[in-house]
Structures are given as structure tokens and as C-alpha cells.
Amino acid sequence: MLDLNDFYYFVQVVENKGFAAAGRALGLPKSTLSRRIIALETRLGARLIHRTSRRFAMSEAGQEFHQHAVAMLIEAEAAENAVRHRVAEPGGTIRFTCSIGMAQPLAALLCRFLVMFPKVNLVQHATNRHVDLVEEGFDVGLRGHFKPLPDSSLIQRKLASTPWHLFASPAYLKRVGAPQTPSELTAHPGLTLGIRDAETSWTLRNSGGAEVVVPFAARIRSEDLETLRQAAVAGMGIVAFPPYLCRMETDQGSLQAVLPGWTAWSDAGVSLLAPSRRGQLPSVRAFIDFMVTEYPPLVAGSSALP
């Protein structure tokens, strides 16, 4: 087994373009470095450096060995940093982004995280626009989505499946009649997420795998889930929500499920995104681990109606 120190000495000699310069940089005698490199060449059975009084040059074998030696030292440093980061107490500021609709349910989780890690500060950016985590300098992004996210260079971790169901106020359903089949939804106004002026429809699926696309007239279009929730409670029409976001209203009886055997978006979910793991701060790693553990219970039961 080769001595990892010799890899380090060899790289230093190459990067300093000579034994004397490398010795000065490392605080070691030139003769010590020369002996170490000669011993390394002997163990490898190949000349790595051509030594002359006028010039410093690597052999072809030396150039190839240098590439692998640099990679090995990088990985060794990464291994050391991984342990140091794990044992270090997380601290500093974490910048993360999420949708406006996710911000309110997250509040209690964020407070629990701050109690667990008193040296960490949080900056929450709530927006419905697409955010470039790397370009805009965010450590973590939480994104709700109705289909799998596209592949990217970001780390992706799905936190939970959150299928959406249809809800309306009991007063509304008593006034106009509750739909008994998906096709009857076309006679009801819908309250829909998003503001694009396009044809609106729900793609409904049941547990048997049947799928029905039902167009509807949008009474309210909004990017704010709270607006849609209040409109549904006020009897303005039928809305699609993940059950955990309107659990209080269903528990209190101000909203009830419509066609509970069907989902409006069965593939919906919430995923956590982050830049590369390399160089990730302990505070960010702690935040990610916390969300992976604590976010699923927040939405537990969202696949089944309360």
C-alpha cells in the first residue's frame, strides 16, 4: 500500500515546479522530498520526474499519476470534511425558498428546527415563481409538483406524495346539489390554482385506475391557496386541495369532500431540491435531514380523506 503522504508530496513538487520550491512551501528540506519521491518511484517501478539541473519535467507516467494523485487528495479532503461537518455544531444562515401555499403549514416545523439548532438562522423566501437555486444563492428549495420534476444537476429528494381531492362547503352543496359522478362537475364553478387564461379541467382518477378529464368554468383563478380556501368556504364553488391544507376546515365542517373516491391530481408531491452535496454546510445538512424526517408526518393522511 502506497503512503498517502507521498501522493501529497509528489503533487506539491509538481505544482511548485521543483523540489526546492516545494520544500520552502512545505517547510521541509529539499533532500527529504527528493528521498520520498525516489522511494515512491521505486515502489511504483517507474520514473515520475525527469531530473536535470536546468529544467523540471514529468514523465508520461508521472503526468498520469499526477491526475490520479490530485483526485485522491481531493477525495481525502472531502472525507475529512464530511466527518468534521458532521461533528461540528450547525450554525449560520440558511436561505430556502418555497411556494406561498407551503409557507404557512411549514411555520411550526421551522420553529421546532430553530429550537433544535439555536445557532442557525433561517431566511424563508415564499414565492410562486420558478426560482433558480444556484443563480439566486439558495441553499434549499421546497417545491410542490403535479408530475415528476425534470432531471437536473440539483439533488432531488421527494418528501411526500400529496394527492389532491375536491372540496366544497356543505352550504354550497346543499344549495346546488352535490355531484355524484365526475361528469356532473361540469355544471359547477371551479376555484383553480394559477392565473393563465386557458381552458381549465380536472383529471380525475379513482382507485380502480379509471381516469376522466372534466372541464369546468373557473369562477376564481388565483396563485394564492388561502384565497381559494376562503372562496370555497364562502360557497363560491369547488376547489382542489391536498387534504392536509384544509384539514382544519374539514374537521370544523366548513368544507367537505366532493367525490371522495376520486383524486384531482394523484401524482402530486413535494420535493426538496439542493445544490451539490460537496461543500454543503453542517447547518444545511441538518435542515435537509430534519425536513426528510419531519415533513412527511406533516402531510400524513393526505392520500386519504379526513
C-alpha atoms as a PDB file:
ATOM      1  CA  MET A   1       0.000   0.000   0.000  1.00  0.00           C
ATOM      2  CA  LEU A   2       1.457   3.375  -1.018  1.00  0.00           C
ATOM      3  CA  ASP A   3       1.798   6.104   1.597  1.00  0.00           C
ATOM      4  CA  LEU A   4      -0.819   8.831   1.029  1.00  0.00           C
ATOM      5  CA  ASN A   5       1.745  11.382   2.207  1.00  0.00           C
ATOM      6  CA  ASP A   6       3.866  10.574  -0.837  1.00  0.00           C
ATOM      7  CA  PHE A   7       0.930  11.418  -3.092  1.00  0.00           C
ATOM      8  CA  TYR A   8       0.742  14.773  -1.331  1.00  0.00           C
ATOM      9  CA  TYR A   9       4.486  15.423  -1.596  1.00  0.00           C
ATOM     10  CA  PHE A  10       4.522  14.489  -5.275  1.00  0.00           C
ATOM     11  CA  VAL A  11       1.632  16.848  -6.064  1.00  0.00           C
ATOM     12  CA  GLN A  12       3.349  19.657  -4.164  1.00  0.00           C
ATOM     13  CA  VAL A  13       6.601  19.120  -6.064  1.00  0.00           C
ATOM     14  CA  VAL A  14       4.731  19.214  -9.376  1.00  0.00           C
ATOM     15  CA  GLU A  15       2.619  22.257  -8.527  1.00  0.00           C
ATOM     16  CA  ASN A  16       5.646  24.175  -7.210  1.00  0.00           C
ATOM     17  CA  LYS A  17       7.682  23.096 -10.278  1.00  0.00           C
ATOM     18  CA  GLY A  18      10.604  21.737  -8.314  1.00  0.00           C
ATOM     19  CA  PHE A  19      11.906  20.241  -5.094  1.00  0.00           C
ATOM     20  CA  ALA A  20      13.436  23.418  -3.702  1.00  0.00           C
ATOM     21  CA  ALA A  21      10.262  25.496  -4.143  1.00  0.00           C
ATOM     22  CA  ALA A  22       8.105  22.697  -2.741  1.00  0.00           C
ATOM     23  CA  GLY A  23      10.423  22.327   0.240  1.00  0.00           C
ATOM     24  CA  ARG A  24      10.109  26.039   1.007  1.00  0.00           C
ATOM     25  CA  ALA A  25       6.294  25.859   0.712  1.00  0.00           C
ATOM     26  CA  LEU A  26       6.086  22.831   2.997  1.00  0.00           C
ATOM     27  CA  GLY A  27       8.849  23.793   5.412  1.00  0.00           C
ATOM     28  CA  LEU A  28      10.789  20.606   4.588  1.00  0.00           C
ATOM     29  CA  PRO A  29      14.355  20.069   3.383  1.00  0.00           C
ATOM     30  CA  LYS A  30      14.720  19.562  -0.345  1.00  0.00           C
ATOM     31  CA  SER A  31      16.627  16.338   0.340  1.00  0.00           C
ATOM     32  CA  THR A  32      13.675  14.896   2.303  1.00  0.00           C
ATOM     33  CA  LEU A  33      11.269  15.469  -0.571  1.00  0.00           C
ATOM     34  CA  SER A  34      13.732  14.036  -3.064  1.00  0.00           C
ATOM     35  CA  ARG A  35      14.153  10.847  -0.999  1.00  0.00           C
ATOM     36  CA  ARG A  36      10.383  10.434  -0.657  1.00  0.00           C
ATOM     37  CA  ILE A  37       9.800  10.791  -4.402  1.00  0.00           C
ATOM     38  CA  ILE A  38      12.651   8.387  -5.223  1.00  0.00           C
ATOM     39  CA  ALA A  39      11.156   5.840  -2.818  1.00  0.00           C
ATOM     40  CA  LEU A  40       7.742   6.339  -4.438  1.00  0.00           C
ATOM     41  CA  GLU A  41       9.200   5.767  -7.907  1.00  0.00           C
ATOM     42  CA  THR A  42      10.953   2.653  -6.648  1.00  0.00           C
ATOM     43  CA  ARG A  43       7.722   1.187  -5.269  1.00  0.00           C
ATOM     44  CA  LEU A  44       5.874   2.043  -8.493  1.00  0.00           C
ATOM     45  CA  GLY A  45       8.689   0.784 -10.701  1.00  0.00           C
ATOM     46  CA  ALA A  46       8.526   3.853 -12.940  1.00  0.00           C
ATOM     47  CA  ARG A  47      10.222   7.227 -13.274  1.00  0.00           C
ATOM     48  CA  LEU A  48       7.763  10.041 -12.498  1.00  0.00           C
ATOM     49  CA  ILE A  49      10.010  13.103 -12.744  1.00  0.00           C
ATOM     50  CA  HIS A  50      12.939  13.790 -15.081  1.00  0.00           C
ATOM     51  CA  ARG A  51      15.643  15.491 -13.041  1.00  0.00           C
ATOM     52  CA  THR A  52      18.133  17.801 -14.705  1.00  0.00           C
ATOM     53  CA  SER A  53      19.955  20.858 -13.464  1.00  0.00           C
ATOM     54  CA  ARG A  54      18.156  23.147 -15.922  1.00  0.00           C
ATOM     55  CA  ARG A  55      14.560  22.022 -16.130  1.00  0.00           C
ATOM     56  CA  PHE A  56      11.796  20.194 -14.253  1.00  0.00           C
ATOM     57  CA  ALA A  57       9.546  17.858 -16.209  1.00  0.00           C
ATOM     58  CA  MET A  58       7.256  14.924 -15.567  1.00  0.00           C
ATOM     59  CA  SER A  59       7.432  11.705 -17.494  1.00  0.00           C
ATOM     60  CA  GLU A  60       4.347  10.400 -19.279  1.00  0.00           C
ATOM     61  CA  ALA A  61       3.769   8.042 -16.347  1.00  0.00           C
ATOM     62  CA  GLY A  62       4.244  10.983 -13.976  1.00  0.00           C
ATOM     63  CA  GLN A  63       1.580  13.026 -15.753  1.00  0.00           C
ATOM     64  CA  GLU A  64      -0.948  10.209 -15.477  1.00  0.00           C
ATOM     65  CA  PHE A  65      -0.012   9.546 -11.849  1.00  0.00           C
ATOM     66  CA  HIS A  66      -0.413  13.265 -11.075  1.00  0.00           C
ATOM     67  CA  GLN A  67      -4.016  13.300 -12.346  1.00  0.00           C
ATOM     68  CA  HIS A  68      -4.966  10.387 -10.102  1.00  0.00           C
ATOM     69  CA  ALA A  69      -2.984  11.741  -7.141  1.00  0.00           C
ATOM     70  CA  VAL A  70      -4.822  15.078  -7.297  1.00  0.00           C
ATOM     71  CA  ALA A  71      -8.177  13.280  -7.454  1.00  0.00           C
ATOM     72  CA  MET A  72      -7.221  11.103  -4.478  1.00  0.00           C
ATOM     73  CA  LEU A  73      -6.216  14.111  -2.384  1.00  0.00           C
ATOM     74  CA  ILE A  74      -9.490  15.863  -3.208  1.00  0.00           C
ATOM     75  CA  GLU A  75     -11.456  12.811  -2.083  1.00  0.00           C
ATOM     76  CA  ALA A  76      -9.349  12.500   1.076  1.00  0.00           C
ATOM     77  CA  GLU A  77     -10.075  16.129   1.920  1.00  0.00           C
ATOM     78  CA  ALA A  78     -13.774  15.585   1.209  1.00  0.00           C
ATOM     79  CA  ALA A  79     -13.800  12.564   3.542  1.00  0.00           C
ATOM     80  CA  GLU A  80     -12.158  14.588   6.308  1.00  0.00           C
ATOM     81  CA  ASN A  81     -14.557  17.493   5.809  1.00  0.00           C
ATOM     82  CA  ALA A  82     -17.554  15.161   5.881  1.00  0.00           C
ATOM     83  CA  VAL A  83     -16.617  13.997   9.366  1.00  0.00           C
ATOM     84  CA  ARG A  84     -15.723  17.489  10.575  1.00  0.00           C
ATOM     85  CA  HIS A  85     -19.028  18.851   9.310  1.00  0.00           C
ATOM     86  CA  ARG A  86     -20.932  16.035  10.985  1.00  0.00           C
ATOM     87  CA  VAL A  87     -19.400  16.648  14.402  1.00  0.00           C
ATOM     88  CA  ALA A  88     -19.443  20.441  14.143  1.00  0.00           C
ATOM     89  CA  GLU A  89     -22.425  22.197  15.687  1.00  0.00           C
ATOM     90  CA  PRO A  90     -24.560  23.634  12.862  1.00  0.00           C
ATOM     91  CA  GLY A  91     -24.633  27.404  12.731  1.00  0.00           C
ATOM     92  CA  GLY A  92     -25.043  30.323  10.351  1.00  0.00           C
ATOM     93  CA  THR A  93     -27.846  31.315   7.993  1.00  0.00           C
ATOM     94  CA  ILE A  94     -29.846  29.007   5.706  1.00  0.00           C
ATOM     95  CA  ARG A  95     -31.669  30.561   2.752  1.00  0.00           C
ATOM     96  CA  PHE A  96     -34.522  28.455   1.402  1.00  0.00           C
ATOM     97  CA  THR A  97     -37.432  29.003  -0.931  1.00  0.00           C
ATOM     98  CA  CYS A  98     -40.932  27.536  -1.084  1.00  0.00           C
ATOM     99  CA  SER A  99     -44.318  28.358  -2.573  1.00  0.00           C
ATOM    100  CA  ILE A 100     -46.652  30.780  -0.839  1.00  0.00           C
ATOM    101  CA  GLY A 101     -49.125  27.976  -0.157  1.00  0.00           C
ATOM    102  CA  MET A 102     -46.467  25.884   1.604  1.00  0.00           C
ATOM    103  CA  ALA A 103     -45.201  28.706   3.828  1.00  0.00           C
ATOM    104  CA  GLN A 104     -47.995  28.682   6.422  1.00  0.00           C
ATOM    105  CA  PRO A 105     -48.024  24.892   7.097  1.00  0.00           C
ATOM    106  CA  LEU A 106     -44.219  24.998   7.448  1.00  0.00           C
ATOM    107  CA  ALA A 107     -44.255  27.610  10.236  1.00  0.00           C
ATOM    108  CA  ALA A 108     -44.476  25.147  13.122  1.00  0.00           C
ATOM    109  CA  LEU A 109     -41.752  22.932  11.647  1.00  0.00           C
ATOM    110  CA  LEU A 110     -39.392  25.880  11.226  1.00  0.00           C
ATOM    111  CA  CYS A 111     -39.839  26.887  14.853  1.00  0.00           C
ATOM    112  CA  ARG A 112     -39.057  23.342  16.002  1.00  0.00           C
ATOM    113  CA  PHE A 113     -35.926  23.311  13.855  1.00  0.00           C
ATOM    114  CA  LEU A 114     -34.705  26.604  15.333  1.00  0.00           C
ATOM    115  CA  VAL A 115     -35.209  25.264  18.868  1.00  0.00           C
ATOM    116  CA  MET A 116     -33.120  22.198  17.983  1.00  0.00           C
ATOM    117  CA  PHE A 117     -30.348  24.302  16.410  1.00  0.00           C
ATOM    118  CA  PRO A 118     -30.068  27.587  18.331  1.00  0.00           C
ATOM    119  CA  LYS A 119     -27.076  28.814  16.310  1.00  0.00           C
ATOM    120  CA  VAL A 120     -28.913  28.584  12.980  1.00  0.00           C
ATOM    121  CA  ASN A 121     -30.899  31.425  11.386  1.00  0.00           C
ATOM    122  CA  LEU A 122     -33.439  30.966   8.588  1.00  0.00           C
ATOM    123  CA  VAL A 123     -34.335  33.166   5.634  1.00  0.00           C
ATOM    124  CA  GLN A 124     -37.582  31.940   4.029  1.00  0.00           C
ATOM    125  CA  HIS A 125     -38.400  33.161   0.513  1.00  0.00           C
ATOM    126  CA  ALA A 126     -42.042  32.439  -0.322  1.00  0.00           C
ATOM    127  CA  THR A 127     -42.921  32.839  -3.985  1.00  0.00           C
ATOM    128  CA  ASN A 128     -44.862  31.017  -6.679  1.00  0.00           C
ATOM    129  CA  ARG A 129     -42.393  31.844  -9.440  1.00  0.00           C
ATOM    130  CA  HIS A 130     -39.725  29.365 -10.537  1.00  0.00           C
ATOM    131  CA  VAL A 131     -36.528  30.021  -8.579  1.00  0.00           C
ATOM    132  CA  ASP A 132     -33.030  29.132  -9.807  1.00  0.00           C
ATOM    133  CA  LEU A 133     -31.406  27.902  -6.589  1.00  0.00           C
ATOM    134  CA  VAL A 134     -27.832  28.207  -7.820  1.00  0.00           C
ATOM    135  CA  GLU A 135     -28.201  31.511  -9.662  1.00  0.00           C
ATOM    136  CA  GLU A 136     -30.084  33.171  -6.790  1.00  0.00           C
ATOM    137  CA  GLY A 137     -27.989  31.725  -3.980  1.00  0.00           C
ATOM    138  CA  PHE A 138     -30.481  29.492  -2.155  1.00  0.00           C
ATOM    139  CA  ASP A 139     -29.340  26.533  -0.084  1.00  0.00           C
ATOM    140  CA  VAL A 140     -32.601  24.564  -0.304  1.00  0.00           C
ATOM    141  CA  GLY A 141     -35.836  24.681  -2.286  1.00  0.00           C
ATOM    142  CA  LEU A 142     -39.154  23.008  -1.428  1.00  0.00           C
ATOM    143  CA  ARG A 143     -41.382  22.514  -4.462  1.00  0.00           C
ATOM    144  CA  GLY A 144     -44.864  21.151  -4.884  1.00  0.00           C
ATOM    145  CA  HIS A 145     -45.436  19.498  -8.258  1.00  0.00           C
ATOM    146  CA  PHE A 146     -48.191  17.654 -10.108  1.00  0.00           C
ATOM    147  CA  LYS A 147     -45.811  15.361 -12.021  1.00  0.00           C
ATOM    148  CA  PRO A 148     -42.199  14.197 -11.518  1.00  0.00           C
ATOM    149  CA  LEU A 149     -39.669  17.015 -11.686  1.00  0.00           C
ATOM    150  CA  PRO A 150     -37.317  17.019 -14.687  1.00  0.00           C
ATOM    151  CA  ASP A 151     -33.776  15.719 -14.244  1.00  0.00           C
ATOM    152  CA  SER A 152     -31.275  18.412 -13.338  1.00  0.00           C
ATOM    153  CA  SER A 153     -27.899  18.899 -11.681  1.00  0.00           C
ATOM    154  CA  LEU A 154     -29.697  19.564  -8.389  1.00  0.00           C
ATOM    155  CA  ILE A 155     -30.092  16.990  -5.639  1.00  0.00           C
ATOM    156  CA  GLN A 156     -33.745  15.907  -5.594  1.00  0.00           C
ATOM    157  CA  ARG A 157     -35.433  14.208  -2.650  1.00  0.00           C
ATOM    158  CA  LYS A 158     -39.170  13.541  -2.717  1.00  0.00           C
ATOM    159  CA  LEU A 159     -40.520  14.276   0.747  1.00  0.00           C
ATOM    160  CA  ALA A 160     -44.134  13.169   0.372  1.00  0.00           C
ATOM    161  CA  SER A 161     -46.899  12.265  -2.041  1.00  0.00           C
ATOM    162  CA  THR A 162     -49.777  14.727  -1.721  1.00  0.00           C
ATOM    163  CA  PRO A 163     -52.667  13.745  -3.991  1.00  0.00           C
ATOM    164  CA  TRP A 164     -55.300  16.485  -4.298  1.00  0.00           C
ATOM    165  CA  HIS A 165     -59.040  15.968  -3.720  1.00  0.00           C
ATOM    166  CA  LEU A 166     -62.093  18.099  -4.425  1.00  0.00           C
ATOM    167  CA  PHE A 167     -63.807  20.086  -1.670  1.00  0.00           C
ATOM    168  CA  ALA A 168     -66.752  22.459  -1.314  1.00  0.00           C
ATOM    169  CA  SER A 169     -68.743  23.989   1.521  1.00  0.00           C
ATOM    170  CA  PRO A 170     -71.742  21.989   2.804  1.00  0.00           C
ATOM    171  CA  ALA A 171     -73.929  25.082   2.281  1.00  0.00           C
ATOM    172  CA  TYR A 172     -72.915  25.256  -1.383  1.00  0.00           C
ATOM    173  CA  LEU A 173     -73.565  21.565  -1.954  1.00  0.00           C
ATOM    174  CA  LYS A 174     -76.939  21.782  -0.207  1.00  0.00           C
ATOM    175  CA  ARG A 175     -77.894  24.768  -2.356  1.00  0.00           C
ATOM    176  CA  VAL A 176     -76.949  23.377  -5.780  1.00  0.00           C
ATOM    177  CA  GLY A 177     -76.716  19.653  -5.115  1.00  0.00           C
ATOM    178  CA  ALA A 178     -73.614  17.526  -4.643  1.00  0.00           C
ATOM    179  CA  PRO A 179     -72.250  15.915  -7.839  1.00  0.00           C
ATOM    180  CA  GLN A 180     -72.479  12.137  -7.779  1.00  0.00           C
ATOM    181  CA  THR A 181     -70.325  11.427 -10.847  1.00  0.00           C
ATOM    182  CA  PRO A 182     -67.319  13.215 -12.391  1.00  0.00           C
ATOM    183  CA  SER A 183     -69.332  14.296 -15.429  1.00  0.00           C
ATOM    184  CA  GLU A 184     -71.678  16.310 -13.187  1.00  0.00           C
ATOM    185  CA  LEU A 185     -68.757  18.586 -12.215  1.00  0.00           C
ATOM    186  CA  THR A 186     -69.086  20.467 -15.496  1.00  0.00           C
ATOM    187  CA  ALA A 187     -72.198  22.157 -14.093  1.00  0.00           C
ATOM    188  CA  HIS A 188     -70.256  23.592 -11.133  1.00  0.00           C
ATOM    189  CA  PRO A 189     -67.911  26.591 -10.985  1.00  0.00           C
ATOM    190  CA  GLY A 190     -64.341  25.749 -10.074  1.00  0.00           C
ATOM    191  CA  LEU A 191     -61.789  27.600  -7.962  1.00  0.00           C
ATOM    192  CA  THR A 192     -58.421  26.930  -9.547  1.00  0.00           C
ATOM    193  CA  LEU A 193     -54.756  27.434  -8.797  1.00  0.00           C
ATOM    194  CA  GLY A 194     -52.949  29.566 -11.386  1.00  0.00           C
ATOM    195  CA  ILE A 195     -53.819  32.629 -13.406  1.00  0.00           C
ATOM    196  CA  ARG A 196     -53.291  31.525 -17.001  1.00  0.00           C
ATOM    197  CA  ASP A 197     -56.320  32.263 -19.159  1.00  0.00           C
ATOM    198  CA  ALA A 198     -56.680  28.806 -20.633  1.00  0.00           C
ATOM    199  CA  GLU A 199     -59.215  26.007 -20.672  1.00  0.00           C
ATOM    200  CA  THR A 200     -59.477  24.541 -17.194  1.00  0.00           C
ATOM    201  CA  SER A 201     -60.084  20.905 -16.327  1.00  0.00           C
ATOM    202  CA  TRP A 202     -59.534  18.306 -13.638  1.00  0.00           C
ATOM    203  CA  THR A 203     -58.033  14.930 -14.472  1.00  0.00           C
ATOM    204  CA  LEU A 204     -59.809  12.661 -12.033  1.00  0.00           C
ATOM    205  CA  ARG A 205     -58.670   9.161 -11.144  1.00  0.00           C
ATOM    206  CA  ASN A 206     -60.168   6.535  -8.857  1.00  0.00           C
ATOM    207  CA  SER A 207     -58.602   3.622  -7.026  1.00  0.00           C
ATOM    208  CA  GLY A 208     -59.574   1.283  -9.855  1.00  0.00           C
ATOM    209  CA  GLY A 209     -57.390   3.204 -12.296  1.00  0.00           C
ATOM    210  CA  ALA A 210     -60.214   4.871 -14.233  1.00  0.00           C
ATOM    211  CA  GLU A 211     -59.359   8.354 -15.500  1.00  0.00           C
ATOM    212  CA  VAL A 212     -61.752  11.116 -16.559  1.00  0.00           C
ATOM    213  CA  VAL A 213     -60.903  14.609 -17.792  1.00  0.00           C
ATOM    214  CA  VAL A 214     -63.596  17.046 -16.678  1.00  0.00           C
ATOM    215  CA  PRO A 215     -63.607  20.643 -17.994  1.00  0.00           C
ATOM    216  CA  PHE A 216     -65.067  23.344 -15.780  1.00  0.00           C
ATOM    217  CA  ALA A 217     -65.619  27.089 -15.740  1.00  0.00           C
ATOM    218  CA  ALA A 218     -63.212  28.889 -13.399  1.00  0.00           C
ATOM    219  CA  ARG A 219     -65.016  31.292 -11.086  1.00  0.00           C
ATOM    220  CA  ILE A 220     -61.763  32.338  -9.448  1.00  0.00           C
ATOM    221  CA  ARG A 221     -58.205  31.878 -10.642  1.00  0.00           C
ATOM    222  CA  SER A 222     -55.517  32.632  -8.074  1.00  0.00           C
ATOM    223  CA  GLU A 223     -51.910  31.808  -7.230  1.00  0.00           C
ATOM    224  CA  ASP A 224     -52.795  32.048  -3.533  1.00  0.00           C
ATOM    225  CA  LEU A 225     -54.176  28.910  -1.893  1.00  0.00           C
ATOM    226  CA  GLU A 226     -55.562  30.898   1.032  1.00  0.00           C
ATOM    227  CA  THR A 227     -57.756  32.913  -1.342  1.00  0.00           C
ATOM    228  CA  LEU A 228     -59.080  29.707  -2.871  1.00  0.00           C
ATOM    229  CA  ARG A 229     -59.701  28.178   0.537  1.00  0.00           C
ATOM    230  CA  GLN A 230     -61.719  31.157   1.756  1.00  0.00           C
ATOM    231  CA  ALA A 231     -63.677  31.269  -1.510  1.00  0.00           C
ATOM    232  CA  ALA A 232     -64.567  27.587  -1.145  1.00  0.00           C
ATOM    233  CA  VAL A 233     -65.679  28.096   2.472  1.00  0.00           C
ATOM    234  CA  ALA A 234     -67.790  31.041   1.277  1.00  0.00           C
ATOM    235  CA  GLY A 235     -69.598  28.769  -1.185  1.00  0.00           C
ATOM    236  CA  MET A 236     -68.123  30.134  -4.417  1.00  0.00           C
ATOM    237  CA  GLY A 237     -67.593  26.700  -5.975  1.00  0.00           C
ATOM    238  CA  ILE A 238     -65.488  23.537  -5.891  1.00  0.00           C
ATOM    239  CA  VAL A 239     -61.756  23.583  -5.180  1.00  0.00           C
ATOM    240  CA  ALA A 240     -58.949  21.037  -5.384  1.00  0.00           C
ATOM    241  CA  PHE A 241     -56.640  20.793  -2.359  1.00  0.00           C
ATOM    242  CA  PRO A 242     -54.331  18.276  -0.712  1.00  0.00           C
ATOM    243  CA  PRO A 243     -56.341  17.272   2.381  1.00  0.00           C
ATOM    244  CA  TYR A 244     -53.686  18.401   4.868  1.00  0.00           C
ATOM    245  CA  LEU A 245     -54.052  22.011   3.676  1.00  0.00           C
ATOM    246  CA  CYS A 246     -57.748  22.128   4.561  1.00  0.00           C
ATOM    247  CA  ARG A 247     -57.835  19.685   7.463  1.00  0.00           C
ATOM    248  CA  MET A 248     -58.991  22.348   9.920  1.00  0.00           C
ATOM    249  CA  GLU A 249     -61.905  23.284   7.645  1.00  0.00           C
ATOM    250  CA  THR A 250     -62.971  19.665   7.153  1.00  0.00           C
ATOM    251  CA  ASP A 251     -62.660  18.985  10.884  1.00  0.00           C
ATOM    252  CA  GLN A 252     -64.812  22.039  11.637  1.00  0.00           C
ATOM    253  CA  GLY A 253     -67.332  21.178   8.919  1.00  0.00           C
ATOM    254  CA  SER A 254     -66.848  24.308   6.803  1.00  0.00           C
ATOM    255  CA  LEU A 255     -65.619  22.145   3.897  1.00  0.00           C
ATOM    256  CA  GLN A 256     -66.413  18.596   2.877  1.00  0.00           C
ATOM    257  CA  ALA A 257     -65.086  16.213   0.267  1.00  0.00           C
ATOM    258  CA  VAL A 258     -66.679  16.060  -3.161  1.00  0.00           C
ATOM    259  CA  LEU A 259     -66.480  12.672  -4.931  1.00  0.00           C
ATOM    260  CA  PRO A 260     -64.138  11.320  -2.225  1.00  0.00           C
ATOM    261  CA  GLY A 261     -63.361   8.208  -4.273  1.00  0.00           C
ATOM    262  CA  TRP A 262     -61.601  10.330  -6.893  1.00  0.00           C
ATOM    263  CA  THR A 263     -58.393  12.383  -6.865  1.00  0.00           C
ATOM    264  CA  ALA A 264     -57.884  15.561  -8.873  1.00  0.00           C
ATOM    265  CA  TRP A 265     -54.107  15.160  -9.101  1.00  0.00           C
ATOM    266  CA  SER A 266     -52.982  11.729  -7.939  1.00  0.00           C
ATOM    267  CA  ASP A 267     -49.304  12.205  -8.822  1.00  0.00           C
ATOM    268  CA  ALA A 268     -48.831  15.418  -6.828  1.00  0.00           C
ATOM    269  CA  GLY A 269     -45.978  15.582  -4.367  1.00  0.00           C
ATOM    270  CA  VAL A 270     -43.490  17.791  -2.548  1.00  0.00           C
ATOM    271  CA  SER A 271     -39.759  17.505  -3.216  1.00  0.00           C
ATOM    272  CA  LEU A 272     -36.678  19.046  -1.662  1.00  0.00           C
ATOM    273  CA  LEU A 273     -34.013  20.407  -4.007  1.00  0.00           C
ATOM    274  CA  ALA A 274     -30.459  21.468  -3.178  1.00  0.00           C
ATOM    275  CA  PRO A 275     -27.194  22.132  -4.995  1.00  0.00           C
ATOM    276  CA  SER A 276     -24.364  19.602  -4.869  1.00  0.00           C
ATOM    277  CA  ARG A 277     -23.599  17.816  -1.594  1.00  0.00           C
ATOM    278  CA  ARG A 278     -19.917  18.716  -1.899  1.00  0.00           C
ATOM    279  CA  GLY A 279     -19.131  21.642   0.360  1.00  0.00           C
ATOM    280  CA  GLN A 280     -22.556  21.538   1.974  1.00  0.00           C
ATOM    281  CA  LEU A 281     -22.514  23.293   5.355  1.00  0.00           C
ATOM    282  CA  PRO A 282     -23.491  21.379   8.512  1.00  0.00           C
ATOM    283  CA  SER A 283     -26.481  23.683   9.025  1.00  0.00           C
ATOM    284  CA  VAL A 284     -27.824  22.931   5.540  1.00  0.00           C
ATOM    285  CA  ARG A 285     -27.269  19.204   6.000  1.00  0.00           C
ATOM    286  CA  ALA A 286     -29.117  19.367   9.333  1.00  0.00           C
ATOM    287  CA  PHE A 287     -32.017  21.269   7.711  1.00  0.00           C
ATOM    288  CA  ILE A 288     -32.305  18.714   4.912  1.00  0.00           C
ATOM    289  CA  ASP A 289     -32.211  15.785   7.341  1.00  0.00           C
ATOM    290  CA  PHE A 290     -34.833  17.490   9.502  1.00  0.00           C
ATOM    291  CA  MET A 291     -37.195  18.047   6.574  1.00  0.00           C
ATOM    292  CA  VAL A 292     -36.761  14.480   5.314  1.00  0.00           C
ATOM    293  CA  THR A 293     -37.797  13.206   8.753  1.00  0.00           C
ATOM    294  CA  GLU A 294     -40.387  15.764   9.842  1.00  0.00           C
ATOM    295  CA  TYR A 295     -42.172  16.862   6.665  1.00  0.00           C
ATOM    296  CA  PRO A 296     -43.886  13.521   5.834  1.00  0.00           C
ATOM    297  CA  PRO A 297     -45.782  13.434   9.174  1.00  0.00           C
ATOM    298  CA  LEU A 298     -46.988  16.975   8.449  1.00  0.00           C
ATOM    299  CA  VAL A 299     -48.889  15.713   5.419  1.00  0.00           C
ATOM    300  CA  ALA A 300     -49.645  12.243   6.780  1.00  0.00           C
ATOM    301  CA  GLY A 301     -53.055  11.133   5.699  1.00  0.00           C
ATOM    302  CA  SER A 302     -53.103  13.447   2.677  1.00  0.00           C
ATOM    303  CA  SER A 303     -53.694  10.419   0.462  1.00  0.00           C
ATOM    304  CA  ALA A 304     -56.804   9.602   2.462  1.00  0.00           C
ATOM    305  CA  LEU A 305     -59.573  11.983   3.323  1.00  0.00           C
ATOM    306  CA  PRO A 306     -60.032  13.054   6.954  1.00  0.00           C
END
